[in-house]
N, C-alpha and C. Protein backbone atom coordinates (compact mmCIF):
# COMPACT_ATOMS: atom_id res chain seq x y z
N MET A 1 0.84 -1.18 0.00
CA MET A 1 0.00 0.00 0.00
C MET A 1 0.87 1.23 0.00
N SER A 2 0.55 2.11 -0.85
CA SER A 2 1.30 3.35 -0.89
C SER A 2 0.54 4.41 -0.11
N GLY A 3 1.19 5.41 0.38
CA GLY A 3 0.58 6.40 1.24
C GLY A 3 0.24 7.69 0.53
N GLY A 4 -0.50 7.75 -0.42
CA GLY A 4 -0.86 9.04 -1.01
C GLY A 4 -1.32 8.85 -2.43
N GLY A 5 -1.28 9.33 -3.36
CA GLY A 5 -1.65 9.16 -4.74
C GLY A 5 -3.11 9.44 -5.05
N GLU A 6 -4.03 8.84 -4.30
CA GLU A 6 -5.45 9.00 -4.61
C GLU A 6 -6.09 9.98 -3.64
N ALA A 7 -6.81 10.89 -4.15
CA ALA A 7 -7.52 11.86 -3.31
C ALA A 7 -8.90 11.31 -2.96
N ALA A 8 -9.39 11.70 -1.82
CA ALA A 8 -10.72 11.28 -1.42
C ALA A 8 -11.74 11.90 -2.36
N PRO A 9 -12.81 11.17 -2.66
CA PRO A 9 -13.81 11.73 -3.57
C PRO A 9 -14.47 12.96 -2.95
N ALA A 10 -14.80 13.90 -3.80
CA ALA A 10 -15.45 15.12 -3.34
C ALA A 10 -16.85 14.80 -2.86
N PRO A 11 -17.30 15.47 -1.81
CA PRO A 11 -18.66 15.20 -1.34
C PRO A 11 -19.67 15.58 -2.41
N ALA A 12 -20.72 14.78 -2.49
CA ALA A 12 -21.75 15.03 -3.50
C ALA A 12 -22.50 16.31 -3.15
N GLU A 13 -22.68 17.16 -4.16
CA GLU A 13 -23.42 18.40 -3.94
C GLU A 13 -24.91 18.11 -4.02
N LYS A 14 -25.66 18.83 -3.20
CA LYS A 14 -27.11 18.68 -3.23
C LYS A 14 -27.63 19.30 -4.52
N PRO A 15 -28.58 18.63 -5.16
CA PRO A 15 -29.13 19.21 -6.39
C PRO A 15 -29.88 20.50 -6.06
N VAL A 16 -29.70 21.47 -6.92
CA VAL A 16 -30.36 22.75 -6.74
C VAL A 16 -31.77 22.65 -7.31
N ALA A 17 -32.75 23.07 -6.52
CA ALA A 17 -34.13 23.00 -6.98
C ALA A 17 -34.35 24.00 -8.12
N ALA A 18 -35.01 23.52 -9.14
CA ALA A 18 -35.30 24.38 -10.29
C ALA A 18 -36.38 25.38 -9.90
N PRO A 19 -36.28 26.60 -10.39
CA PRO A 19 -37.32 27.57 -10.09
C PRO A 19 -38.65 27.13 -10.70
N PRO A 20 -39.76 27.51 -10.10
CA PRO A 20 -41.05 27.10 -10.66
C PRO A 20 -41.24 27.65 -12.07
N VAL A 21 -41.88 26.86 -12.89
CA VAL A 21 -42.09 27.23 -14.29
C VAL A 21 -43.50 27.79 -14.44
N ASP A 22 -43.61 28.97 -15.05
CA ASP A 22 -44.90 29.57 -15.34
C ASP A 22 -45.33 29.11 -16.73
N PRO A 23 -46.39 28.27 -16.81
CA PRO A 23 -46.76 27.74 -18.13
C PRO A 23 -47.20 28.82 -19.11
N VAL A 24 -47.82 29.89 -18.62
CA VAL A 24 -48.24 30.98 -19.51
C VAL A 24 -47.00 31.66 -20.10
N GLU A 25 -46.00 31.89 -19.25
CA GLU A 25 -44.77 32.53 -19.73
C GLU A 25 -44.07 31.67 -20.77
N GLU A 26 -43.99 30.37 -20.51
CA GLU A 26 -43.33 29.47 -21.46
C GLU A 26 -44.06 29.44 -22.80
N LEU A 27 -45.39 29.37 -22.75
CA LEU A 27 -46.16 29.36 -23.98
C LEU A 27 -46.06 30.69 -24.71
N ALA A 28 -46.11 31.80 -23.96
CA ALA A 28 -45.98 33.13 -24.57
C ALA A 28 -44.63 33.29 -25.25
N LYS A 29 -43.59 32.73 -24.64
CA LYS A 29 -42.26 32.81 -25.23
C LYS A 29 -42.23 32.08 -26.58
N LYS A 30 -42.85 30.91 -26.64
CA LYS A 30 -42.89 30.16 -27.90
C LYS A 30 -43.70 30.91 -28.96
N ILE A 31 -44.82 31.47 -28.54
CA ILE A 31 -45.65 32.23 -29.47
C ILE A 31 -44.88 33.45 -29.98
N TYR A 32 -44.20 34.15 -29.09
CA TYR A 32 -43.44 35.35 -29.46
C TYR A 32 -42.37 35.01 -30.50
N VAL A 33 -41.65 33.95 -30.27
CA VAL A 33 -40.59 33.56 -31.21
C VAL A 33 -41.19 33.24 -32.58
N GLU A 34 -42.32 32.52 -32.59
CA GLU A 34 -42.97 32.21 -33.86
C GLU A 34 -43.45 33.46 -34.57
N LEU A 35 -44.15 34.32 -33.83
CA LEU A 35 -44.67 35.55 -34.45
C LEU A 35 -43.54 36.43 -34.96
N ALA A 36 -42.51 36.63 -34.14
CA ALA A 36 -41.40 37.49 -34.54
C ALA A 36 -40.70 36.94 -35.77
N SER A 37 -40.54 35.62 -35.83
CA SER A 37 -39.86 35.05 -37.00
C SER A 37 -40.71 35.22 -38.25
N GLN A 38 -42.03 35.08 -38.12
CA GLN A 38 -42.90 35.26 -39.28
C GLN A 38 -42.95 36.73 -39.71
N ILE A 39 -42.99 37.63 -38.75
CA ILE A 39 -43.04 39.06 -39.06
C ILE A 39 -41.77 39.49 -39.79
N HIS A 40 -40.63 39.07 -39.29
CA HIS A 40 -39.36 39.52 -39.87
C HIS A 40 -38.96 38.74 -41.12
N ALA A 41 -39.66 37.64 -41.40
CA ALA A 41 -39.38 36.89 -42.62
C ALA A 41 -40.08 37.52 -43.83
N GLN A 42 -41.06 38.38 -43.57
CA GLN A 42 -41.78 39.03 -44.67
C GLN A 42 -40.92 40.14 -45.27
N LEU A 43 -40.78 40.11 -46.57
CA LEU A 43 -39.96 41.11 -47.26
C LEU A 43 -40.84 42.05 -48.09
N ASP A 44 -42.00 42.41 -47.56
CA ASP A 44 -42.94 43.23 -48.32
C ASP A 44 -42.69 44.73 -48.16
N GLY A 45 -41.76 45.14 -47.32
CA GLY A 45 -41.44 46.54 -47.15
C GLY A 45 -42.36 47.28 -46.20
N LYS A 46 -43.36 46.60 -45.65
CA LYS A 46 -44.26 47.24 -44.70
C LYS A 46 -43.55 47.42 -43.36
N PRO A 47 -43.92 48.45 -42.60
CA PRO A 47 -43.29 48.63 -41.28
C PRO A 47 -43.65 47.48 -40.35
N LYS A 48 -42.69 47.09 -39.54
CA LYS A 48 -42.88 45.98 -38.61
C LYS A 48 -43.49 46.50 -37.30
N PRO A 49 -44.32 45.69 -36.64
CA PRO A 49 -44.92 46.13 -35.38
C PRO A 49 -43.86 46.24 -34.27
N ASP A 50 -44.19 47.04 -33.27
CA ASP A 50 -43.33 47.21 -32.11
C ASP A 50 -43.14 45.87 -31.40
N HIS A 51 -41.93 45.61 -30.93
CA HIS A 51 -41.63 44.34 -30.25
C HIS A 51 -42.47 44.15 -29.00
N LEU A 52 -42.74 45.24 -28.27
CA LEU A 52 -43.57 45.12 -27.06
C LEU A 52 -45.00 44.74 -27.40
N LYS A 53 -45.50 45.19 -28.52
CA LYS A 53 -46.85 44.82 -28.96
C LYS A 53 -46.90 43.33 -29.31
N VAL A 54 -45.85 42.84 -29.92
CA VAL A 54 -45.78 41.41 -30.24
C VAL A 54 -45.71 40.60 -28.95
N ALA A 55 -44.97 41.08 -27.97
CA ALA A 55 -44.91 40.39 -26.67
C ALA A 55 -46.27 40.41 -25.99
N GLU A 56 -46.96 41.56 -26.07
CA GLU A 56 -48.28 41.66 -25.44
C GLU A 56 -49.26 40.68 -26.06
N ILE A 57 -49.31 40.63 -27.37
CA ILE A 57 -50.23 39.70 -28.03
C ILE A 57 -49.85 38.25 -27.74
N SER A 58 -48.57 37.99 -27.57
CA SER A 58 -48.12 36.64 -27.24
C SER A 58 -48.66 36.21 -25.89
N PHE A 59 -48.59 37.11 -24.90
CA PHE A 59 -49.11 36.77 -23.57
C PHE A 59 -50.63 36.65 -23.60
N ARG A 60 -51.29 37.51 -24.35
CA ARG A 60 -52.76 37.43 -24.43
C ARG A 60 -53.19 36.11 -25.08
N LEU A 61 -52.49 35.71 -26.12
CA LEU A 61 -52.80 34.43 -26.76
C LEU A 61 -52.51 33.25 -25.84
N ALA A 62 -51.42 33.31 -25.10
CA ALA A 62 -51.08 32.23 -24.17
C ALA A 62 -52.12 32.10 -23.07
N GLU A 63 -52.55 33.24 -22.51
CA GLU A 63 -53.57 33.21 -21.46
C GLU A 63 -54.90 32.68 -22.00
N ALA A 64 -55.26 33.10 -23.20
CA ALA A 64 -56.50 32.63 -23.82
C ALA A 64 -56.42 31.13 -24.07
N PHE A 65 -55.26 30.66 -24.50
CA PHE A 65 -55.10 29.23 -24.73
C PHE A 65 -55.25 28.44 -23.43
N GLN A 66 -54.63 28.93 -22.36
CA GLN A 66 -54.72 28.22 -21.07
C GLN A 66 -56.17 28.15 -20.61
N THR A 67 -56.90 29.24 -20.75
CA THR A 67 -58.31 29.26 -20.36
C THR A 67 -59.11 28.29 -21.22
N GLY A 68 -58.91 28.36 -22.52
CA GLY A 68 -59.61 27.45 -23.43
C GLY A 68 -59.22 26.00 -23.23
N ASN A 69 -57.98 25.78 -22.91
CA ASN A 69 -57.50 24.42 -22.67
C ASN A 69 -58.26 23.79 -21.50
N LEU A 70 -58.43 24.55 -20.41
CA LEU A 70 -59.16 24.03 -19.25
C LEU A 70 -60.66 23.91 -19.55
N GLN A 71 -61.16 24.74 -20.44
CA GLN A 71 -62.58 24.72 -20.74
C GLN A 71 -62.94 23.58 -21.70
N PHE A 72 -62.09 23.32 -22.69
CA PHE A 72 -62.44 22.37 -23.75
C PHE A 72 -61.68 21.05 -23.69
N ASN A 73 -60.55 20.99 -23.03
CA ASN A 73 -59.72 19.78 -22.98
C ASN A 73 -60.04 19.01 -21.71
N THR A 74 -60.73 17.89 -21.85
CA THR A 74 -61.15 17.13 -20.66
C THR A 74 -59.96 16.56 -19.89
N ALA A 75 -58.89 16.21 -20.58
CA ALA A 75 -57.71 15.67 -19.89
C ALA A 75 -57.05 16.76 -19.04
N ALA A 76 -56.94 17.97 -19.58
CA ALA A 76 -56.35 19.07 -18.83
C ALA A 76 -57.22 19.43 -17.63
N ARG A 77 -58.53 19.40 -17.82
CA ARG A 77 -59.45 19.70 -16.72
C ARG A 77 -59.33 18.64 -15.62
N ALA A 78 -59.20 17.37 -16.01
CA ALA A 78 -59.05 16.29 -15.03
C ALA A 78 -57.75 16.44 -14.24
N ARG A 79 -56.66 16.83 -14.93
CA ARG A 79 -55.38 17.05 -14.23
C ARG A 79 -55.49 18.21 -13.24
N ALA A 80 -56.15 19.28 -13.65
CA ALA A 80 -56.31 20.44 -12.77
C ALA A 80 -57.17 20.09 -11.56
N ASP A 81 -58.22 19.31 -11.77
CA ASP A 81 -59.08 18.88 -10.66
C ASP A 81 -58.33 17.98 -9.69
N ALA A 82 -57.53 17.05 -10.22
CA ALA A 82 -56.75 16.15 -9.37
C ALA A 82 -55.72 16.93 -8.56
N LYS A 83 -55.09 17.92 -9.19
CA LYS A 83 -54.10 18.74 -8.48
C LYS A 83 -54.77 19.55 -7.37
N ALA A 84 -55.95 20.07 -7.65
CA ALA A 84 -56.67 20.86 -6.65
C ALA A 84 -57.08 19.99 -5.47
N LYS A 85 -57.49 18.76 -5.72
CA LYS A 85 -57.89 17.85 -4.65
C LYS A 85 -56.69 17.40 -3.82
N ALA A 86 -55.53 17.31 -4.46
CA ALA A 86 -54.33 16.83 -3.76
C ALA A 86 -53.69 17.91 -2.91
N SER A 87 -53.99 19.16 -3.17
CA SER A 87 -53.37 20.23 -2.41
C SER A 87 -54.11 20.46 -1.10
N VAL A 88 -53.40 20.94 -0.10
CA VAL A 88 -53.96 21.21 1.21
C VAL A 88 -53.96 22.71 1.44
N ASP A 89 -55.10 23.24 1.84
CA ASP A 89 -55.20 24.67 2.15
C ASP A 89 -54.88 24.84 3.62
N VAL A 90 -53.64 25.28 3.92
CA VAL A 90 -53.20 25.40 5.31
C VAL A 90 -53.93 26.50 6.06
N SER A 91 -54.59 27.40 5.36
CA SER A 91 -55.33 28.45 6.06
C SER A 91 -56.57 27.90 6.74
N LYS A 92 -57.01 26.70 6.34
CA LYS A 92 -58.20 26.10 6.94
C LYS A 92 -57.87 25.12 8.06
N ILE A 93 -56.60 24.95 8.36
CA ILE A 93 -56.20 24.03 9.42
C ILE A 93 -56.28 24.75 10.76
N GLU A 94 -56.97 24.14 11.72
CA GLU A 94 -57.09 24.71 13.06
C GLU A 94 -56.29 23.85 14.03
N ILE A 95 -55.46 24.49 14.82
CA ILE A 95 -54.65 23.79 15.80
C ILE A 95 -55.06 24.28 17.18
N ASP A 96 -55.39 23.35 18.06
CA ASP A 96 -55.76 23.69 19.43
C ASP A 96 -54.52 23.54 20.29
N PHE A 97 -53.81 24.66 20.51
CA PHE A 97 -52.58 24.62 21.28
C PHE A 97 -52.83 24.31 22.76
N GLY A 98 -54.03 24.60 23.23
CA GLY A 98 -54.36 24.26 24.61
C GLY A 98 -54.35 22.76 24.82
N ALA A 99 -54.87 22.01 23.87
CA ALA A 99 -54.90 20.56 23.96
C ALA A 99 -53.49 19.99 23.88
N VAL A 100 -52.62 20.63 23.16
CA VAL A 100 -51.25 20.15 23.03
C VAL A 100 -50.55 20.23 24.38
N GLY A 101 -50.77 21.31 25.12
CA GLY A 101 -50.13 21.47 26.42
C GLY A 101 -50.68 20.53 27.46
N THR A 102 -51.98 20.23 27.44
CA THR A 102 -52.57 19.33 28.45
C THR A 102 -52.22 17.89 28.18
N ALA A 103 -51.99 17.52 26.96
CA ALA A 103 -51.63 16.15 26.65
C ALA A 103 -50.23 15.82 27.19
N ALA A 104 -49.36 16.80 27.23
CA ALA A 104 -47.99 16.59 27.72
C ALA A 104 -47.95 16.44 29.23
N LYS A 105 -48.92 16.99 29.96
CA LYS A 105 -48.93 16.95 31.43
C LYS A 105 -49.47 15.63 31.96
N LYS A 106 -50.15 14.85 31.19
CA LYS A 106 -50.76 13.60 31.67
C LYS A 106 -49.75 12.59 32.04
């Protein structure tokens, strides 16, 4: 056995939690890229719309799609209902701290 040569393995780093994803933002981003590419691909010489207006319409379309998706897509509605049932509303939880203290004294 030799006394050195191999270093101890580095401790494993904890995975960093990904930030929450906003589905409307993600969809609006895709819509914006599509619209912008179609607008700028036109070589008709007409003035192009303001970029902020294209972003605004992208978000409006994404929000409308999300609303319509829940209204007309039964699978999406079922997923939303299941998620709502699985979540707990902590504002409705009542804790009797008096009972907690008396149980410890018995």
